[in-house]
Amino acid sequence: MPEIPEAYHDLFEKATIAHLTTILPDGRPHTTPVWVDYDPDTDRLLVNTERHTRKARNVDRDPTVSASMVDPDDPNRFLSVTGEVETVTTEGAPDHIDDLASRYMGEEEYSEPTKSERILFYVRADEVYSMS
């Protein structure tokens, strides 16, 4: 199984936006910009969302996803991952969104009210493509 190259771990320390693609019920792709993180202990991409979102409903039905991100400091450097959401959990999701708010917004807490329930996707990489 491919790993996220260590040379790209810095993307998860910056305010890097990923475009996450999930599969709609009719088989068409559904792509949304998301905040992205990485768990080096499990070598998994992390996406924090809410249970009611289209992407969460899509993943419940079909865990196949892809994520593509461009280095905010170098538009010619990117990382693309195709794989599967292997775990969906609520554990740690509220604290995790606060951590992301710090990175992406410079705020201590995520300021948007939760409409349903915060969840975390753990994405296993089956294919990794990168360029710098």
C-alpha atoms as a PDB file:
ATOM      1  CA  MET A   1       0.000   0.000   0.000  1.00  0.00           C
ATOM      2  CA  PRO A   2       1.431   3.413  -0.952  1.00  0.00           C
ATOM      3  CA  GLU A   3       2.325   5.903   1.753  1.00  0.00           C
ATOM      4  CA  ILE A   4       2.009   9.651   1.805  1.00  0.00           C
ATOM      5  CA  PRO A   5       5.570  10.750   0.948  1.00  0.00           C
ATOM      6  CA  GLU A   6       7.335  12.376   3.872  1.00  0.00           C
ATOM      7  CA  ALA A   7       8.387  15.215   1.584  1.00  0.00           C
ATOM      8  CA  TYR A   8       4.695  16.223   1.425  1.00  0.00           C
ATOM      9  CA  HIS A   9       3.852  16.044   5.140  1.00  0.00           C
ATOM     10  CA  ASP A  10       4.381  19.815   5.337  1.00  0.00           C
ATOM     11  CA  LEU A  11       1.175  20.298   3.323  1.00  0.00           C
ATOM     12  CA  PHE A  12      -0.714  19.237   6.452  1.00  0.00           C
ATOM     13  CA  GLU A  13       0.945  21.926   8.540  1.00  0.00           C
ATOM     14  CA  LYS A  14      -0.205  24.732   6.222  1.00  0.00           C
ATOM     15  CA  ALA A  15      -3.666  25.979   5.316  1.00  0.00           C
ATOM     16  CA  THR A  16      -3.753  23.602   2.341  1.00  0.00           C
ATOM     17  CA  ILE A  17      -7.186  23.143   0.806  1.00  0.00           C
ATOM     18  CA  ALA A  18      -7.950  19.703  -0.606  1.00  0.00           C
ATOM     19  CA  HIS A  19     -10.645  18.913  -3.126  1.00  0.00           C
ATOM     20  CA  LEU A  20     -12.371  15.747  -1.954  1.00  0.00           C
ATOM     21  CA  THR A  21     -14.310  13.711  -4.483  1.00  0.00           C
ATOM     22  CA  THR A  22     -16.963  11.233  -3.396  1.00  0.00           C
ATOM     23  CA  ILE A  23     -19.406   9.233  -5.501  1.00  0.00           C
ATOM     24  CA  LEU A  24     -23.054  10.265  -5.852  1.00  0.00           C
ATOM     25  CA  PRO A  25     -25.775   7.587  -5.851  1.00  0.00           C
ATOM     26  CA  ASP A  26     -26.022   7.783  -9.655  1.00  0.00           C
ATOM     27  CA  GLY A  27     -22.256   7.226 -10.015  1.00  0.00           C
ATOM     28  CA  ARG A  28     -21.308  10.812 -10.839  1.00  0.00           C
ATOM     29  CA  PRO A  29     -18.445  12.448  -8.906  1.00  0.00           C
ATOM     30  CA  HIS A  30     -19.144  15.043  -6.213  1.00  0.00           C
ATOM     31  CA  THR A  31     -16.190  17.307  -5.380  1.00  0.00           C
ATOM     32  CA  THR A  32     -15.944  19.778  -2.509  1.00  0.00           C
ATOM     33  CA  PRO A  33     -13.105  21.839  -1.048  1.00  0.00           C
ATOM     34  CA  VAL A  34     -12.197  20.669   2.464  1.00  0.00           C
ATOM     35  CA  TRP A  35      -9.701  21.300   5.203  1.00  0.00           C
ATOM     36  CA  VAL A  36      -7.374  18.322   5.330  1.00  0.00           C
ATOM     37  CA  ASP A  37      -5.090  16.769   7.909  1.00  0.00           C
ATOM     38  CA  TYR A  38      -2.794  13.774   8.172  1.00  0.00           C
ATOM     39  CA  ASP A  39      -2.246  11.185  10.893  1.00  0.00           C
ATOM     40  CA  PRO A  40       1.352   9.945  10.546  1.00  0.00           C
ATOM     41  CA  ASP A  41       0.745   7.117  13.044  1.00  0.00           C
ATOM     42  CA  THR A  42      -1.852   5.499  10.782  1.00  0.00           C
ATOM     43  CA  ASP A  43      -0.671   7.049   7.480  1.00  0.00           C
ATOM     44  CA  ARG A  44      -4.220   8.268   6.833  1.00  0.00           C
ATOM     45  CA  LEU A  45      -5.605  11.522   5.482  1.00  0.00           C
ATOM     46  CA  LEU A  46      -8.167  13.069   7.829  1.00  0.00           C
ATOM     47  CA  VAL A  47     -11.240  14.979   6.742  1.00  0.00           C
ATOM     48  CA  ASN A  48     -13.537  16.531   9.341  1.00  0.00           C
ATOM     49  CA  THR A  49     -17.143  17.109   8.324  1.00  0.00           C
ATOM     50  CA  GLU A  50     -20.683  16.808   9.631  1.00  0.00           C
ATOM     51  CA  ARG A  51     -22.886  13.751   9.429  1.00  0.00           C
ATOM     52  CA  HIS A  52     -25.620  15.525   7.397  1.00  0.00           C
ATOM     53  CA  THR A  53     -23.372  16.597   4.497  1.00  0.00           C
ATOM     54  CA  ARG A  54     -23.616  15.170   0.983  1.00  0.00           C
ATOM     55  CA  LYS A  55     -20.030  13.880   1.211  1.00  0.00           C
ATOM     56  CA  ALA A  56     -20.802  12.000   4.440  1.00  0.00           C
ATOM     57  CA  ARG A  57     -23.920  10.438   2.933  1.00  0.00           C
ATOM     58  CA  ASN A  58     -21.935   9.485  -0.178  1.00  0.00           C
ATOM     59  CA  VAL A  59     -19.174   7.880   1.911  1.00  0.00           C
ATOM     60  CA  ASP A  60     -21.738   5.923   3.937  1.00  0.00           C
ATOM     61  CA  ARG A  61     -22.890   4.337   0.686  1.00  0.00           C
ATOM     62  CA  ASP A  62     -19.543   4.122  -1.148  1.00  0.00           C
ATOM     63  CA  PRO A  63     -16.251   4.765   0.697  1.00  0.00           C
ATOM     64  CA  THR A  64     -14.276   5.382  -2.514  1.00  0.00           C
ATOM     65  CA  VAL A  65     -12.751   8.882  -2.504  1.00  0.00           C
ATOM     66  CA  SER A  66      -9.998  10.949  -4.002  1.00  0.00           C
ATOM     67  CA  ALA A  67      -8.353  14.080  -2.688  1.00  0.00           C
ATOM     68  CA  SER A  68      -6.138  16.513  -4.511  1.00  0.00           C
ATOM     69  CA  MET A  69      -4.285  19.395  -2.917  1.00  0.00           C
ATOM     70  CA  VAL A  70      -1.943  22.099  -4.161  1.00  0.00           C
ATOM     71  CA  ASP A  71       0.771  23.619  -2.002  1.00  0.00           C
ATOM     72  CA  PRO A  72      -0.467  27.131  -1.119  1.00  0.00           C
ATOM     73  CA  ASP A  73       3.135  28.366  -1.446  1.00  0.00           C
ATOM     74  CA  ASP A  74       3.931  26.655  -4.764  1.00  0.00           C
ATOM     75  CA  PRO A  75       1.122  26.027  -7.278  1.00  0.00           C
ATOM     76  CA  ASN A  76       3.313  23.568  -9.191  1.00  0.00           C
ATOM     77  CA  ARG A  77       3.638  21.249  -6.184  1.00  0.00           C
ATOM     78  CA  PHE A  78       0.729  18.959  -5.468  1.00  0.00           C
ATOM     79  CA  LEU A  79      -0.383  15.711  -3.894  1.00  0.00           C
ATOM     80  CA  SER A  80      -3.226  13.540  -5.128  1.00  0.00           C
ATOM     81  CA  VAL A  81      -4.577  10.526  -3.246  1.00  0.00           C
ATOM     82  CA  THR A  82      -7.141   7.952  -4.352  1.00  0.00           C
ATOM     83  CA  GLY A  83      -8.369   5.474  -1.801  1.00  0.00           C
ATOM     84  CA  GLU A  84     -11.071   4.540   0.606  1.00  0.00           C
ATOM     85  CA  VAL A  85     -12.542   5.967   3.773  1.00  0.00           C
ATOM     86  CA  GLU A  86     -11.678   3.114   6.069  1.00  0.00           C
ATOM     87  CA  THR A  87     -13.017   4.620   9.298  1.00  0.00           C
ATOM     88  CA  VAL A  88     -15.742   7.138  10.089  1.00  0.00           C
ATOM     89  CA  THR A  89     -15.759   8.189  13.727  1.00  0.00           C
ATOM     90  CA  THR A  90     -17.059  10.891  16.028  1.00  0.00           C
ATOM     91  CA  GLU A  91     -14.185  10.260  18.453  1.00  0.00           C
ATOM     92  CA  GLY A  92     -12.018  13.372  18.660  1.00  0.00           C
ATOM     93  CA  ALA A  93     -13.897  15.150  15.859  1.00  0.00           C
ATOM     94  CA  PRO A  94     -14.962  18.248  17.875  1.00  0.00           C
ATOM     95  CA  ASP A  95     -11.404  18.837  19.148  1.00  0.00           C
ATOM     96  CA  HIS A  96      -9.994  18.135  15.689  1.00  0.00           C
ATOM     97  CA  ILE A  97     -12.149  20.814  14.036  1.00  0.00           C
ATOM     98  CA  ASP A  98     -10.848  23.304  16.605  1.00  0.00           C
ATOM     99  CA  ASP A  99      -7.279  22.320  15.690  1.00  0.00           C
ATOM    100  CA  LEU A 100      -8.095  22.863  12.023  1.00  0.00           C
ATOM    101  CA  ALA A 101      -9.704  26.236  12.789  1.00  0.00           C
ATOM    102  CA  SER A 102      -6.440  27.273  14.381  1.00  0.00           C
ATOM    103  CA  ARG A 103      -4.475  26.326  11.261  1.00  0.00           C
ATOM    104  CA  TYR A 104      -6.907  27.592   8.639  1.00  0.00           C
ATOM    105  CA  MET A 105      -8.488  30.586  10.383  1.00  0.00           C
ATOM    106  CA  GLY A 106      -6.113  31.535  13.191  1.00  0.00           C
ATOM    107  CA  GLU A 107      -8.910  30.997  15.735  1.00  0.00           C
ATOM    108  CA  GLU A 108      -8.857  28.926  18.920  1.00  0.00           C
ATOM    109  CA  GLU A 109     -12.255  27.366  18.221  1.00  0.00           C
ATOM    110  CA  TYR A 110     -14.291  26.597  15.135  1.00  0.00           C
ATOM    111  CA  SER A 111     -16.936  29.289  15.125  1.00  0.00           C
ATOM    112  CA  GLU A 112     -19.645  27.711  12.960  1.00  0.00           C
ATOM    113  CA  PRO A 113     -22.416  25.976  14.908  1.00  0.00           C
ATOM    114  CA  THR A 114     -22.676  22.218  14.437  1.00  0.00           C
ATOM    115  CA  LYS A 115     -25.872  21.327  12.587  1.00  0.00           C
ATOM    116  CA  SER A 116     -25.713  17.574  13.065  1.00  0.00           C
ATOM    117  CA  GLU A 117     -22.654  15.750  14.414  1.00  0.00           C
ATOM    118  CA  ARG A 118     -18.938  16.201  13.691  1.00  0.00           C
ATOM    119  CA  ILE A 119     -17.271  13.156  12.173  1.00  0.00           C
ATOM    120  CA  LEU A 120     -13.782  12.283  10.985  1.00  0.00           C
ATOM    121  CA  PHE A 121     -12.962  10.341   7.825  1.00  0.00           C
ATOM    122  CA  TYR A 122      -9.734   8.312   7.910  1.00  0.00           C
ATOM    123  CA  VAL A 123      -8.715   7.877   4.278  1.00  0.00           C
ATOM    124  CA  ARG A 124      -6.414   5.014   3.300  1.00  0.00           C
ATOM    125  CA  ALA A 125      -4.301   5.820   0.255  1.00  0.00           C
ATOM    126  CA  ASP A 126      -4.435   3.173  -2.466  1.00  0.00           C
ATOM    127  CA  GLU A 127      -2.790   5.412  -5.075  1.00  0.00           C
ATOM    128  CA  VAL A 128      -0.586   8.434  -4.462  1.00  0.00           C
ATOM    129  CA  TYR A 129       0.582  10.841  -7.112  1.00  0.00           C
ATOM    130  CA  SER A 130       2.762  13.831  -6.353  1.00  0.00           C
ATOM    131  CA  MET A 131       4.773  16.423  -8.202  1.00  0.00           C
ATOM    132  CA  SER A 132       7.039  19.262  -7.187  1.00  0.00           C
END
